[in-house]
Amino acid sequence: MEIKDILSELITVVTNQLGERGNPENFDLEELLETLEGYYEELDEIGEFYYYEDEDEGYNFEDDDY
């Protein structure tokens, strides 16, 4: 399952929970919903993720410029 799909499900669940039961006193569901929607929008701006097909290439997290 992709990250956007998971976020979409979480947004739906939180929205339904807010609609049915309101915002609980001990947790701010509205803030969580805003955060999840922000993450979703950021993923929309980034576009699709892609992975290296060549396993030998791997990921290099070192900064070679310094």
Protein backbone atom coordinates (compact mmCIF):
# COMPACT_ATOMS: atom_id res chain seq x y z
CA MET A 1 0.00 0.00 0.00
CA GLU A 2 1.35 3.39 -0.93
CA ILE A 3 1.90 6.18 1.57
CA LYS A 4 -0.79 8.35 -0.02
CA ASP A 5 -3.31 5.50 0.29
CA ILE A 6 -2.52 5.10 3.98
CA LEU A 7 -2.81 8.85 4.57
CA SER A 8 -6.10 8.91 2.68
CA GLU A 9 -7.50 6.15 4.89
CA LEU A 10 -6.31 7.92 8.03
CA ILE A 11 -7.87 11.20 6.87
CA THR A 12 -11.17 9.40 6.24
CA VAL A 13 -11.14 7.70 9.64
CA VAL A 14 -10.29 10.92 11.51
CA THR A 15 -12.94 12.88 9.59
CA ASN A 16 -15.58 10.24 10.36
CA GLN A 17 -14.54 10.13 14.01
CA LEU A 18 -14.82 13.92 14.29
CA GLY A 19 -18.23 13.83 12.64
CA GLU A 20 -19.60 11.05 14.83
CA ARG A 21 -18.08 11.82 18.21
CA GLY A 22 -16.56 15.28 17.98
CA ASN A 23 -13.13 16.25 19.22
CA PRO A 24 -12.08 14.36 22.38
CA GLU A 25 -10.87 16.33 25.36
CA ASN A 26 -7.58 14.45 25.69
CA PHE A 27 -6.47 14.59 22.02
CA ASP A 28 -6.80 17.17 19.23
CA LEU A 29 -8.18 15.26 16.24
CA GLU A 30 -8.59 18.47 14.25
CA GLU A 31 -4.87 19.17 14.53
CA LEU A 32 -4.08 15.59 13.52
CA LEU A 33 -6.38 15.92 10.51
CA GLU A 34 -4.68 19.16 9.43
CA THR A 35 -1.27 17.51 9.78
CA LEU A 36 -2.31 14.46 7.73
CA GLU A 37 -3.82 16.65 5.02
CA GLY A 38 -0.59 18.68 4.92
CA TYR A 39 1.45 15.51 4.44
CA TYR A 40 -0.92 14.42 1.68
CA GLU A 41 -0.57 17.75 -0.12
CA GLU A 42 3.23 17.58 0.15
CA LEU A 43 3.20 14.12 -1.43
CA ASP A 44 1.05 15.50 -4.25
CA GLU A 45 3.68 18.19 -4.88
CA ILE A 46 6.55 15.68 -4.83
CA GLY A 47 4.89 13.37 -7.34
CA GLU A 48 5.66 9.69 -7.62
CA PHE A 49 8.48 7.95 -5.82
CA TYR A 50 10.87 5.78 -7.76
CA TYR A 51 13.41 3.23 -6.67
CA TYR A 52 16.80 2.26 -8.01
CA GLU A 53 16.44 -0.83 -10.17
CA ASP A 54 20.11 -1.73 -9.92
CA GLU A 55 20.76 -3.19 -6.47
CA ASP A 56 24.49 -2.53 -6.81
CA GLU A 57 23.93 1.21 -7.13
CA GLY A 58 22.14 1.43 -3.77
CA TYR A 59 21.65 4.61 -1.83
CA ASN A 60 24.51 6.94 -0.99
CA PHE A 61 23.73 9.16 1.98
CA GLU A 62 27.26 10.54 2.23
CA ASP A 63 28.00 14.03 0.98
CA ASP A 64 30.96 13.67 -1.38
CA ASP A 65 31.34 17.42 -1.82
CA TYR A 66 32.92 17.97 1.58
